[in-house]
Amino acid sequence: MFVSRGLVVGFTVALAGLALSGCGTRLNKAPVEDRGTSSSAPSSSTQPGVVVGTPIKPLPGAENAGKPGYYTVKPGDTLIRIGLESGQSWKDIARWNNLDNANLIEVGQVLRVAPLVAASQAVASDSGVVTRPVTSSSITPAAPASTPAPAASAAKPATSAASGPVVAVAPATPAAPAAAAEDDMAFIWPAPGSLIAGFDEARNKGYDIAGKAGDPVLAAADGRVVYAGAGLRGYGNLVILKHNNTFLTAYAHNQTLLVKEDQAVRKGQKIAEMGSTDADRVKLHFEIRRQGKPVDPSRYLPPR
């Protein structure tokens, strides 16, 4: 009986030793996944579920950013404001850029804000060099190879007419009379009231003229209505007239608008009635813009 108990104890100790040995072996080879970069690891591009980034599509007109005659849309812009700032009709800008919905423009989008001819002229004036195609009549044909050259010509350096295309560089010319005539505008005062705020390029882009609700607002010169509505914040009921390729005038805060877009108007014609829409009092806010930039009306209005 004593011997049997000893055998049992010895057998139990042996089994315990084997168990500990087995545990030690398993700890040395724990099943931890190696997620580091190793030569045997599969490429991420071949792993299922990995999304490969696609290049971002550039916004329309991005290739023209910074070029003369183009405008990059900023936060808060509307096509009406862009038209006012560039001296163009918002409808023309929509047409030039093939915009089906004038209310859908994106920040960073580049829009053409000048006719193609005007934009190309701006590029030429920026470079300072005007290139024109040379007609065949302006090139003296070369003499046939069999004709002997005069002796006097041998002393002169030879010119190669066939070495490449000929580009005529036009000398600087004075501005065309038509452009000068466009600058010579004869505006009239759009309302008879007193001046309550003058021009300040930073704070007031035109004149504020006092009056009573319903007083007539007159077209300052012949022109065409390029905008009539209340879609430009800070201007209330607004009329914008385009007079030529250089000048626009704007008439803001009206009570009633009496003209429609694309309508031709004459100097002195009643186009609206004075009001206080989007303003702190009844007044007419009047702007003259030269190529989209606000200018001091005193330079163009007659003294009074």
C-alpha atoms as a PDB file:
ATOM      1  CA  MET A   1       0.000   0.000   0.000  1.00  0.00           C
ATOM      2  CA  PHE A   2       2.887   2.361   0.862  1.00  0.00           C
ATOM      3  CA  VAL A   3       4.612   1.540  -2.447  1.00  0.00           C
ATOM      4  CA  SER A   4       1.481   2.181  -4.457  1.00  0.00           C
ATOM      5  CA  ARG A   5       1.017   5.597  -2.843  1.00  0.00           C
ATOM      6  CA  GLY A   6       4.609   6.559  -3.752  1.00  0.00           C
ATOM      7  CA  LEU A   7       4.122   5.512  -7.326  1.00  0.00           C
ATOM      8  CA  VAL A   8       1.005   7.620  -7.543  1.00  0.00           C
ATOM      9  CA  VAL A   9       2.813  10.635  -6.138  1.00  0.00           C
ATOM     10  CA  GLY A  10       5.730  10.206  -8.561  1.00  0.00           C
ATOM     11  CA  PHE A  11       3.426   9.801 -11.497  1.00  0.00           C
ATOM     12  CA  THR A  12       1.564  12.950 -10.524  1.00  0.00           C
ATOM     13  CA  VAL A  13       4.810  14.970 -10.304  1.00  0.00           C
ATOM     14  CA  ALA A  14       5.878  13.729 -13.734  1.00  0.00           C
ATOM     15  CA  LEU A  15       2.601  14.775 -15.298  1.00  0.00           C
ATOM     16  CA  ALA A  16       2.920  18.243 -13.726  1.00  0.00           C
ATOM     17  CA  GLY A  17       6.402  18.659 -15.189  1.00  0.00           C
ATOM     18  CA  LEU A  18       5.200  17.722 -18.639  1.00  0.00           C
ATOM     19  CA  ALA A  19       2.366  20.249 -18.361  1.00  0.00           C
ATOM     20  CA  LEU A  20       4.742  23.056 -17.413  1.00  0.00           C
ATOM     21  CA  SER A  21       7.049  22.155 -20.269  1.00  0.00           C
ATOM     22  CA  GLY A  22       4.158  22.314 -22.712  1.00  0.00           C
ATOM     23  CA  CYS A  23       3.069  25.738 -21.423  1.00  0.00           C
ATOM     24  CA  GLY A  24       6.556  27.105 -21.855  1.00  0.00           C
ATOM     25  CA  THR A  25       6.636  26.000 -25.456  1.00  0.00           C
ATOM     26  CA  ARG A  26       3.313  27.634 -26.257  1.00  0.00           C
ATOM     27  CA  LEU A  27       4.349  31.028 -24.756  1.00  0.00           C
ATOM     28  CA  ASN A  28       7.390  31.141 -27.027  1.00  0.00           C
ATOM     29  CA  LYS A  29       5.127  30.794 -30.090  1.00  0.00           C
ATOM     30  CA  ALA A  30       2.153  32.994 -29.196  1.00  0.00           C
ATOM     31  CA  PRO A  31      -0.275  33.521 -32.144  1.00  0.00           C
ATOM     32  CA  VAL A  32       0.306  37.276 -32.652  1.00  0.00           C
ATOM     33  CA  GLU A  33      -0.257  38.621 -36.227  1.00  0.00           C
ATOM     34  CA  ASP A  34       2.701  40.574 -37.621  1.00  0.00           C
ATOM     35  CA  ARG A  35       1.259  43.801 -39.123  1.00  0.00           C
ATOM     36  CA  GLY A  36       4.574  45.409 -39.795  1.00  0.00           C
ATOM     37  CA  THR A  37       6.126  45.910 -43.244  1.00  0.00           C
ATOM     38  CA  SER A  38       7.867  42.747 -44.265  1.00  0.00           C
ATOM     39  CA  SER A  39       8.890  41.324 -47.568  1.00  0.00           C
ATOM     40  CA  SER A  40       6.383  38.525 -47.233  1.00  0.00           C
ATOM     41  CA  ALA A  41       3.425  40.829 -46.438  1.00  0.00           C
ATOM     42  CA  PRO A  42       0.981  41.225 -49.301  1.00  0.00           C
ATOM     43  CA  SER A  43       0.819  44.649 -51.002  1.00  0.00           C
ATOM     44  CA  SER A  44      -1.968  46.943 -49.766  1.00  0.00           C
ATOM     45  CA  SER A  45      -3.111  47.396 -53.327  1.00  0.00           C
ATOM     46  CA  THR A  46      -3.990  43.713 -53.498  1.00  0.00           C
ATOM     47  CA  GLN A  47      -5.870  43.556 -50.183  1.00  0.00           C
ATOM     48  CA  PRO A  48      -9.634  43.447 -50.467  1.00  0.00           C
ATOM     49  CA  GLY A  49     -11.523  46.418 -49.061  1.00  0.00           C
ATOM     50  CA  VAL A  50      -8.739  48.942 -49.646  1.00  0.00           C
ATOM     51  CA  VAL A  51     -10.054  52.129 -51.386  1.00  0.00           C
ATOM     52  CA  VAL A  52      -7.550  53.578 -53.828  1.00  0.00           C
ATOM     53  CA  GLY A  53      -7.809  57.410 -54.022  1.00  0.00           C
ATOM     54  CA  THR A  54      -8.844  58.904 -57.351  1.00  0.00           C
ATOM     55  CA  PRO A  55      -7.533  62.249 -58.609  1.00  0.00           C
ATOM     56  CA  ILE A  56      -9.836  65.227 -57.924  1.00  0.00           C
ATOM     57  CA  LYS A  57     -11.450  66.587 -61.071  1.00  0.00           C
ATOM     58  CA  PRO A  58     -10.510  70.260 -61.605  1.00  0.00           C
ATOM     59  CA  LEU A  59     -13.299  72.823 -61.555  1.00  0.00           C
ATOM     60  CA  PRO A  60     -14.558  74.222 -64.866  1.00  0.00           C
ATOM     61  CA  GLY A  61     -12.241  76.794 -66.430  1.00  0.00           C
ATOM     62  CA  ALA A  62      -9.366  76.145 -63.992  1.00  0.00           C
ATOM     63  CA  GLU A  63      -6.874  76.308 -66.860  1.00  0.00           C
ATOM     64  CA  ASN A  64      -7.789  79.995 -67.367  1.00  0.00           C
ATOM     65  CA  ALA A  65      -7.240  81.141 -63.773  1.00  0.00           C
ATOM     66  CA  GLY A  66      -5.407  84.452 -63.637  1.00  0.00           C
ATOM     67  CA  LYS A  67      -5.782  85.230 -67.330  1.00  0.00           C
ATOM     68  CA  PRO A  68      -7.178  88.605 -68.464  1.00  0.00           C
ATOM     69  CA  GLY A  69     -10.918  88.450 -69.079  1.00  0.00           C
ATOM     70  CA  TYR A  70     -11.485  85.628 -66.555  1.00  0.00           C
ATOM     71  CA  TYR A  71     -12.737  85.646 -62.950  1.00  0.00           C
ATOM     72  CA  THR A  72     -12.299  83.061 -60.168  1.00  0.00           C
ATOM     73  CA  VAL A  73     -15.453  82.640 -58.080  1.00  0.00           C
ATOM     74  CA  LYS A  74     -15.052  83.532 -54.378  1.00  0.00           C
ATOM     75  CA  PRO A  75     -17.269  82.609 -51.383  1.00  0.00           C
ATOM     76  CA  GLY A  76     -20.462  84.685 -51.367  1.00  0.00           C
ATOM     77  CA  ASP A  77     -20.323  85.517 -55.073  1.00  0.00           C
ATOM     78  CA  THR A  78     -23.403  85.522 -57.258  1.00  0.00           C
ATOM     79  CA  LEU A  79     -23.514  85.903 -61.004  1.00  0.00           C
ATOM     80  CA  ILE A  80     -25.233  89.278 -60.551  1.00  0.00           C
ATOM     81  CA  ARG A  81     -22.406  90.567 -58.348  1.00  0.00           C
ATOM     82  CA  ILE A  82     -19.766  89.174 -60.707  1.00  0.00           C
ATOM     83  CA  GLY A  83     -21.491  90.985 -63.564  1.00  0.00           C
ATOM     84  CA  LEU A  84     -21.506  94.260 -61.610  1.00  0.00           C
ATOM     85  CA  GLU A  85     -17.839  93.876 -60.633  1.00  0.00           C
ATOM     86  CA  SER A  86     -16.763  93.036 -64.183  1.00  0.00           C
ATOM     87  CA  GLY A  87     -18.989  95.562 -65.976  1.00  0.00           C
ATOM     88  CA  GLN A  88     -20.993  92.909 -67.811  1.00  0.00           C
ATOM     89  CA  SER A  89     -24.522  91.577 -67.963  1.00  0.00           C
ATOM     90  CA  TRP A  90     -24.961  88.451 -65.845  1.00  0.00           C
ATOM     91  CA  LYS A  91     -26.865  86.914 -68.757  1.00  0.00           C
ATOM     92  CA  ASP A  92     -23.882  87.420 -71.058  1.00  0.00           C
ATOM     93  CA  ILE A  93     -21.585  85.765 -68.512  1.00  0.00           C
ATOM     94  CA  ALA A  94     -23.964  82.823 -68.236  1.00  0.00           C
ATOM     95  CA  ARG A  95     -24.024  82.479 -72.029  1.00  0.00           C
ATOM     96  CA  TRP A  96     -20.244  82.780 -72.463  1.00  0.00           C
ATOM     97  CA  ASN A  97     -19.733  80.000 -69.893  1.00  0.00           C
ATOM     98  CA  ASN A  98     -22.592  77.733 -71.034  1.00  0.00           C
ATOM     99  CA  LEU A  99     -24.282  77.891 -67.608  1.00  0.00           C
ATOM    100  CA  ASP A 100     -27.667  76.176 -67.695  1.00  0.00           C
ATOM    101  CA  ASN A 101     -28.470  77.403 -64.168  1.00  0.00           C
ATOM    102  CA  ALA A 102     -27.049  80.817 -63.275  1.00  0.00           C
ATOM    103  CA  ASN A 103     -27.537  80.038 -59.565  1.00  0.00           C
ATOM    104  CA  LEU A 104     -25.147  77.085 -59.661  1.00  0.00           C
ATOM    105  CA  ILE A 105     -21.570  78.344 -59.563  1.00  0.00           C
ATOM    106  CA  GLU A 106     -18.808  76.902 -57.392  1.00  0.00           C
ATOM    107  CA  VAL A 107     -16.090  78.547 -55.347  1.00  0.00           C
ATOM    108  CA  GLY A 108     -12.887  78.245 -57.367  1.00  0.00           C
ATOM    109  CA  GLN A 109     -14.691  77.967 -60.690  1.00  0.00           C
ATOM    110  CA  VAL A 110     -13.184  80.235 -63.357  1.00  0.00           C
ATOM    111  CA  LEU A 111     -15.631  82.206 -65.506  1.00  0.00           C
ATOM    112  CA  ARG A 112     -15.071  84.180 -68.671  1.00  0.00           C
ATOM    113  CA  VAL A 113     -16.260  87.739 -67.966  1.00  0.00           C
ATOM    114  CA  ALA A 114     -15.333  89.407 -71.243  1.00  0.00           C
ATOM    115  CA  PRO A 115     -16.112  88.690 -74.892  1.00  0.00           C
ATOM    116  CA  LEU A 116     -13.458  86.626 -76.651  1.00  0.00           C
ATOM    117  CA  VAL A 117     -12.273  89.611 -78.704  1.00  0.00           C
ATOM    118  CA  ALA A 118     -11.888  91.790 -75.604  1.00  0.00           C
ATOM    119  CA  ALA A 119     -10.069  89.032 -73.716  1.00  0.00           C
ATOM    120  CA  SER A 120      -7.585  88.495 -76.560  1.00  0.00           C
ATOM    121  CA  GLN A 121      -6.957  92.243 -76.788  1.00  0.00           C
ATOM    122  CA  ALA A 122      -6.243  92.313 -73.046  1.00  0.00           C
ATOM    123  CA  VAL A 123      -3.668  89.552 -73.455  1.00  0.00           C
ATOM    124  CA  ALA A 124      -1.992  91.461 -76.304  1.00  0.00           C
ATOM    125  CA  SER A 125      -1.870  94.705 -74.331  1.00  0.00           C
ATOM    126  CA  ASP A 126      -0.358  92.906 -71.344  1.00  0.00           C
ATOM    127  CA  SER A 127       2.496  91.562 -73.462  1.00  0.00           C
ATOM    128  CA  GLY A 128       3.156  94.947 -75.080  1.00  0.00           C
ATOM    129  CA  VAL A 129       3.618  93.309 -78.467  1.00  0.00           C
ATOM    130  CA  VAL A 130       0.948  93.030 -81.116  1.00  0.00           C
ATOM    131  CA  THR A 131       1.435  90.289 -83.663  1.00  0.00           C
ATOM    132  CA  ARG A 132      -0.437  90.216 -86.927  1.00  0.00           C
ATOM    133  CA  PRO A 133      -0.415  87.664 -89.725  1.00  0.00           C
ATOM    134  CA  VAL A 134       1.740  88.759 -92.637  1.00  0.00           C
ATOM    135  CA  THR A 135       0.064  88.632 -96.011  1.00  0.00           C
ATOM    136  CA  SER A 136       1.815  87.418 -99.115  1.00  0.00           C
ATOM    137  CA  SER A 137       1.882  90.957-100.524  1.00  0.00           C
ATOM    138  CA  SER A 138       4.112  92.128 -97.676  1.00  0.00           C
ATOM    139  CA  ILE A 139       6.831  89.590 -98.421  1.00  0.00           C
ATOM    140  CA  THR A 140       9.198  90.268-101.329  1.00  0.00           C
ATOM    141  CA  PRO A 141       9.601  87.046-103.293  1.00  0.00           C
ATOM    142  CA  ALA A 142      13.154  85.718-103.423  1.00  0.00           C
ATOM    143  CA  ALA A 143      15.024  85.979-106.716  1.00  0.00           C
ATOM    144  CA  PRO A 144      15.450  82.752-108.723  1.00  0.00           C
ATOM    145  CA  ALA A 145      18.612  80.821-107.896  1.00  0.00           C
ATOM    146  CA  SER A 146      19.943  81.179-111.473  1.00  0.00           C
ATOM    147  CA  THR A 147      19.884  84.999-111.365  1.00  0.00           C
ATOM    148  CA  PRO A 148      23.266  86.433-110.350  1.00  0.00           C
ATOM    149  CA  ALA A 149      23.136  88.798-107.391  1.00  0.00           C
ATOM    150  CA  PRO A 150      24.331  92.398-107.864  1.00  0.00           C
ATOM    151  CA  ALA A 151      27.836  93.142-106.611  1.00  0.00           C
ATOM    152  CA  ALA A 152      26.612  95.702-104.098  1.00  0.00           C
ATOM    153  CA  SER A 153      24.440  93.143-102.432  1.00  0.00           C
ATOM    154  CA  ALA A 154      27.397  90.895-101.715  1.00  0.00           C
ATOM    155  CA  ALA A 155      28.684  93.376 -99.134  1.00  0.00           C
ATOM    156  CA  LYS A 156      25.395  93.296 -97.215  1.00  0.00           C
ATOM    157  CA  PRO A 157      24.564  90.501 -94.764  1.00  0.00           C
ATOM    158  CA  ALA A 158      22.251  87.990 -96.332  1.00  0.00           C
ATOM    159  CA  THR A 159      18.756  87.594 -94.936  1.00  0.00           C
ATOM    160  CA  SER A 160      16.907  84.347 -95.108  1.00  0.00           C
ATOM    161  CA  ALA A 161      13.294  84.899 -96.032  1.00  0.00           C
ATOM    162  CA  ALA A 162      12.609  81.199 -95.891  1.00  0.00           C
ATOM    163  CA  SER A 163      14.112  80.605 -92.435  1.00  0.00           C
ATOM    164  CA  GLY A 164      10.716  80.696 -90.686  1.00  0.00           C
ATOM    165  CA  PRO A 165       7.376  82.455 -90.375  1.00  0.00           C
ATOM    166  CA  VAL A 166       7.539  86.237 -90.440  1.00  0.00           C
ATOM    167  CA  VAL A 167       5.905  88.086 -87.538  1.00  0.00           C
ATOM    168  CA  ALA A 168       5.188  91.758 -87.929  1.00  0.00           C
ATOM    169  CA  VAL A 169       5.564  93.706 -84.690  1.00  0.00           C
ATOM    170  CA  ALA A 170       3.231  96.673 -84.787  1.00  0.00           C
ATOM    171  CA  PRO A 171       4.485  99.922 -83.265  1.00  0.00           C
ATOM    172  CA  ALA A 172       2.569 101.347 -80.344  1.00  0.00           C
ATOM    173  CA  THR A 173      -0.414 103.295 -81.589  1.00  0.00           C
ATOM    174  CA  PRO A 174      -2.585 105.803 -79.754  1.00  0.00           C
ATOM    175  CA  ALA A 175      -5.941 104.689 -78.405  1.00  0.00           C
ATOM    176  CA  ALA A 176      -8.688 104.409 -80.940  1.00  0.00           C
ATOM    177  CA  PRO A 177     -11.109 107.361 -81.134  1.00  0.00           C
ATOM    178  CA  ALA A 178     -14.013 105.034 -80.307  1.00  0.00           C
ATOM    179  CA  ALA A 179     -12.446 104.129 -76.959  1.00  0.00           C
ATOM    180  CA  ALA A 180     -11.906 107.801 -76.183  1.00  0.00           C
ATOM    181  CA  ALA A 181     -15.530 108.534 -77.077  1.00  0.00           C
ATOM    182  CA  GLU A 182     -16.723 105.830 -74.658  1.00  0.00           C
ATOM    183  CA  ASP A 183     -14.864 107.580 -71.849  1.00  0.00           C
ATOM    184  CA  ASP A 184     -16.491 110.892 -72.746  1.00  0.00           C
ATOM    185  CA  MET A 185     -19.897 110.136 -71.214  1.00  0.00           C
ATOM    186  CA  ALA A 186     -22.373 112.926 -70.460  1.00  0.00           C
ATOM    187  CA  PHE A 187     -24.250 111.667 -67.380  1.00  0.00           C
ATOM    188  CA  ILE A 188     -27.035 113.557 -65.598  1.00  0.00           C
ATOM    189  CA  TRP A 189     -28.010 113.420 -61.932  1.00  0.00           C
ATOM    190  CA  PRO A 190     -30.456 110.520 -61.389  1.00  0.00           C
ATOM    191  CA  ALA A 191     -32.429 112.352 -58.680  1.00  0.00           C
ATOM    192  CA  PRO A 192     -32.819 115.985 -57.607  1.00  0.00           C
ATOM    193  CA  GLY A 193     -32.351 115.455 -53.844  1.00  0.00           C
ATOM    194  CA  SER A 194     -29.433 116.599 -51.724  1.00  0.00           C
ATOM    195  CA  LEU A 195     -26.255 114.577 -51.422  1.00  0.00           C
ATOM    196  CA  ILE A 196     -26.159 112.852 -48.008  1.00  0.00           C
ATOM    197  CA  ALA A 197     -23.098 110.605 -48.502  1.00  0.00           C
ATOM    198  CA  GLY A 198     -20.232 111.022 -50.924  1.00  0.00           C
ATOM    199  CA  PHE A 199     -17.942 108.562 -52.657  1.00  0.00           C
ATOM    200  CA  ASP A 200     -15.518 106.537 -50.551  1.00  0.00           C
ATOM    201  CA  GLU A 201     -13.860 103.628 -52.315  1.00  0.00           C
ATOM    202  CA  ALA A 202     -13.638 101.599 -49.104  1.00  0.00           C
ATOM    203  CA  ARG A 203     -17.023 102.367 -47.496  1.00  0.00           C
ATOM    204  CA  ASN A 204     -19.370 103.888 -50.065  1.00  0.00           C
ATOM    205  CA  LYS A 205     -18.919 102.999 -53.724  1.00  0.00           C
ATOM    206  CA  GLY A 206     -21.108 105.823 -54.998  1.00  0.00           C
ATOM    207  CA  TYR A 207     -23.411 108.677 -53.987  1.00  0.00           C
ATOM    208  CA  ASP A 208     -26.343 108.527 -51.568  1.00  0.00           C
ATOM    209  CA  ILE A 209     -29.057 111.014 -52.592  1.00  0.00           C
ATOM    210  CA  ALA A 210     -31.921 111.995 -50.290  1.00  0.00           C
ATOM    211  CA  GLY A 211     -35.579 112.039 -51.295  1.00  0.00           C
ATOM    212  CA  LYS A 212     -39.091 110.948 -50.454  1.00  0.00           C
ATOM    213  CA  ALA A 213     -40.627 107.561 -51.078  1.00  0.00           C
ATOM    214  CA  GLY A 214     -41.935 107.485 -54.630  1.00  0.00           C
ATOM    215  CA  ASP A 215     -39.652 110.215 -55.982  1.00  0.00           C
ATOM    216  CA  PRO A 216     -38.585 109.505 -59.579  1.00  0.00           C
ATOM    217  CA  VAL A 217     -35.260 107.825 -60.283  1.00  0.00           C
ATOM    218  CA  LEU A 218     -33.929 108.747 -63.736  1.00  0.00           C
ATOM    219  CA  ALA A 219     -31.529 106.997 -66.107  1.00  0.00           C
ATOM    220  CA  ALA A 220     -28.244 108.931 -66.026  1.00  0.00           C
ATOM    221  CA  ALA A 221     -27.580 108.183 -69.719  1.00  0.00           C
ATOM    222  CA  ASP A 222     -28.865 106.115 -72.627  1.00  0.00           C
ATOM    223  CA  GLY A 223     -28.377 102.423 -72.047  1.00  0.00           C
ATOM    224  CA  ARG A 224     -29.773  98.927 -71.700  1.00  0.00           C
ATOM    225  CA  VAL A 225     -31.123  97.298 -68.532  1.00  0.00           C
ATOM    226  CA  VAL A 226     -28.839  94.400 -67.644  1.00  0.00           C
ATOM    227  CA  TYR A 227     -30.396  93.760 -64.232  1.00  0.00           C
ATOM    228  CA  ALA A 228     -33.656  94.615 -62.460  1.00  0.00           C
ATOM    229  CA  GLY A 229     -34.394  92.842 -59.209  1.00  0.00           C
ATOM    230  CA  ALA A 230     -33.497  92.334 -55.551  1.00  0.00           C
ATOM    231  CA  GLY A 231     -30.911  89.568 -55.812  1.00  0.00           C
ATOM    232  CA  LEU A 232     -27.868  91.513 -54.637  1.00  0.00           C
ATOM    233  CA  ARG A 233     -27.558  91.801 -50.873  1.00  0.00           C
ATOM    234  CA  GLY A 234     -27.179  95.348 -49.565  1.00  0.00           C
ATOM    235  CA  TYR A 235     -28.725  96.998 -52.640  1.00  0.00           C
ATOM    236  CA  GLY A 236     -32.435  96.253 -52.187  1.00  0.00           C
ATOM    237  CA  ASN A 237     -34.489  96.714 -55.342  1.00  0.00           C
ATOM    238  CA  LEU A 238     -31.779  97.426 -57.893  1.00  0.00           C
ATOM    239  CA  VAL A 239     -31.517  98.538 -61.513  1.00  0.00           C
ATOM    240  CA  ILE A 240     -28.234  98.232 -63.430  1.00  0.00           C
ATOM    241  CA  LEU A 241     -27.819  99.945 -66.803  1.00  0.00           C
ATOM    242  CA  LYS A 242     -25.054  99.205 -69.279  1.00  0.00           C
ATOM    243  CA  HIS A 243     -24.213 102.258 -71.404  1.00  0.00           C
ATOM    244  CA  ASN A 244     -21.337 100.914 -73.526  1.00  0.00           C
ATOM    245  CA  ASN A 245     -18.383  98.559 -73.185  1.00  0.00           C
ATOM    246  CA  THR A 246     -16.891 100.816 -70.496  1.00  0.00           C
ATOM    247  CA  PHE A 247     -19.637 102.129 -68.210  1.00  0.00           C
ATOM    248  CA  LEU A 248     -22.396 100.757 -65.994  1.00  0.00           C
ATOM    249  CA  THR A 249     -24.615 102.681 -63.594  1.00  0.00           C
ATOM    250  CA  ALA A 250     -26.449 101.203 -60.594  1.00  0.00           C
ATOM    251  CA  TYR A 251     -29.580 102.544 -58.822  1.00  0.00           C
ATOM    252  CA  ALA A 252     -30.312 100.907 -55.442  1.00  0.00           C
ATOM    253  CA  HIS A 253     -32.896 100.813 -52.580  1.00  0.00           C
ATOM    254  CA  ASN A 254     -35.852 101.563 -54.873  1.00  0.00           C
ATOM    255  CA  GLN A 255     -39.452 101.172 -53.821  1.00  0.00           C
ATOM    256  CA  THR A 256     -40.662 100.212 -57.292  1.00  0.00           C
ATOM    257  CA  LEU A 257     -38.847  99.126 -60.458  1.00  0.00           C
ATOM    258  CA  LEU A 258     -40.330 100.399 -63.718  1.00  0.00           C
ATOM    259  CA  VAL A 259     -38.087  98.648 -66.268  1.00  0.00           C
ATOM    260  CA  LYS A 260     -37.259  95.070 -67.248  1.00  0.00           C
ATOM    261  CA  GLU A 261     -34.027  93.361 -68.206  1.00  0.00           C
ATOM    262  CA  ASP A 262     -32.870  93.878 -71.824  1.00  0.00           C
ATOM    263  CA  GLN A 263     -35.045  96.980 -72.133  1.00  0.00           C
ATOM    264  CA  ALA A 264     -33.465 100.011 -73.851  1.00  0.00           C
ATOM    265  CA  VAL A 265     -33.794 103.277 -71.928  1.00  0.00           C
ATOM    266  CA  ARG A 266     -33.108 106.926 -72.724  1.00  0.00           C
ATOM    267  CA  LYS A 267     -31.276 109.523 -70.653  1.00  0.00           C
ATOM    268  CA  GLY A 268     -33.708 111.116 -68.184  1.00  0.00           C
ATOM    269  CA  GLN A 269     -36.268 108.286 -68.450  1.00  0.00           C
ATOM    270  CA  LYS A 270     -37.953 107.316 -65.186  1.00  0.00           C
ATOM    271  CA  ILE A 271     -36.721 103.812 -64.384  1.00  0.00           C
ATOM    272  CA  ALA A 272     -37.741 103.432 -60.716  1.00  0.00           C
ATOM    273  CA  GLU A 273     -39.279 105.116 -57.681  1.00  0.00           C
ATOM    274  CA  MET A 274     -37.142 105.959 -54.673  1.00  0.00           C
ATOM    275  CA  GLY A 275     -37.528 103.802 -51.557  1.00  0.00           C
ATOM    276  CA  SER A 276     -35.757 102.270 -48.577  1.00  0.00           C
ATOM    277  CA  THR A 277     -35.408  98.568 -49.445  1.00  0.00           C
ATOM    278  CA  ASP A 278     -32.370  97.108 -47.648  1.00  0.00           C
ATOM    279  CA  ALA A 279     -31.527 100.602 -46.310  1.00  0.00           C
ATOM    280  CA  ASP A 280     -31.895 102.596 -43.087  1.00  0.00           C
ATOM    281  CA  ARG A 281     -33.856 105.428 -44.734  1.00  0.00           C
ATOM    282  CA  VAL A 282     -35.395 106.515 -48.026  1.00  0.00           C
ATOM    283  CA  LYS A 283     -32.544 107.285 -50.425  1.00  0.00           C
ATOM    284  CA  LEU A 284     -31.066 106.488 -53.800  1.00  0.00           C
ATOM    285  CA  HIS A 285     -27.663 104.846 -53.819  1.00  0.00           C
ATOM    286  CA  PHE A 286     -26.132 105.653 -57.213  1.00  0.00           C
ATOM    287  CA  GLU A 287     -22.928 104.159 -58.626  1.00  0.00           C
ATOM    288  CA  ILE A 288     -20.923 104.751 -61.795  1.00  0.00           C
ATOM    289  CA  ARG A 289     -18.651 101.849 -62.684  1.00  0.00           C
ATOM    290  CA  ARG A 290     -15.895 102.022 -65.261  1.00  0.00           C
ATOM    291  CA  GLN A 291     -15.016  98.536 -66.515  1.00  0.00           C
ATOM    292  CA  GLY A 292     -16.602  97.177 -63.352  1.00  0.00           C
ATOM    293  CA  LYS A 293     -14.650  99.365 -60.929  1.00  0.00           C
ATOM    294  CA  PRO A 294     -16.550 101.994 -58.897  1.00  0.00           C
ATOM    295  CA  VAL A 295     -15.438 105.534 -59.739  1.00  0.00           C
ATOM    296  CA  ASP A 296     -16.185 108.895 -58.119  1.00  0.00           C
ATOM    297  CA  PRO A 297     -19.409 110.219 -59.730  1.00  0.00           C
ATOM    298  CA  SER A 298     -18.144 113.788 -59.357  1.00  0.00           C
ATOM    299  CA  ARG A 299     -15.771 113.091 -62.272  1.00  0.00           C
ATOM    300  CA  TYR A 300     -18.705 112.511 -64.616  1.00  0.00           C
ATOM    301  CA  LEU A 301     -21.764 114.353 -63.243  1.00  0.00           C
ATOM    302  CA  PRO A 302     -22.340 118.054 -64.005  1.00  0.00           C
ATOM    303  CA  PRO A 303     -21.890 120.466 -61.078  1.00  0.00           C
ATOM    304  CA  ARG A 304     -24.985 121.713 -59.301  1.00  0.00           C
END
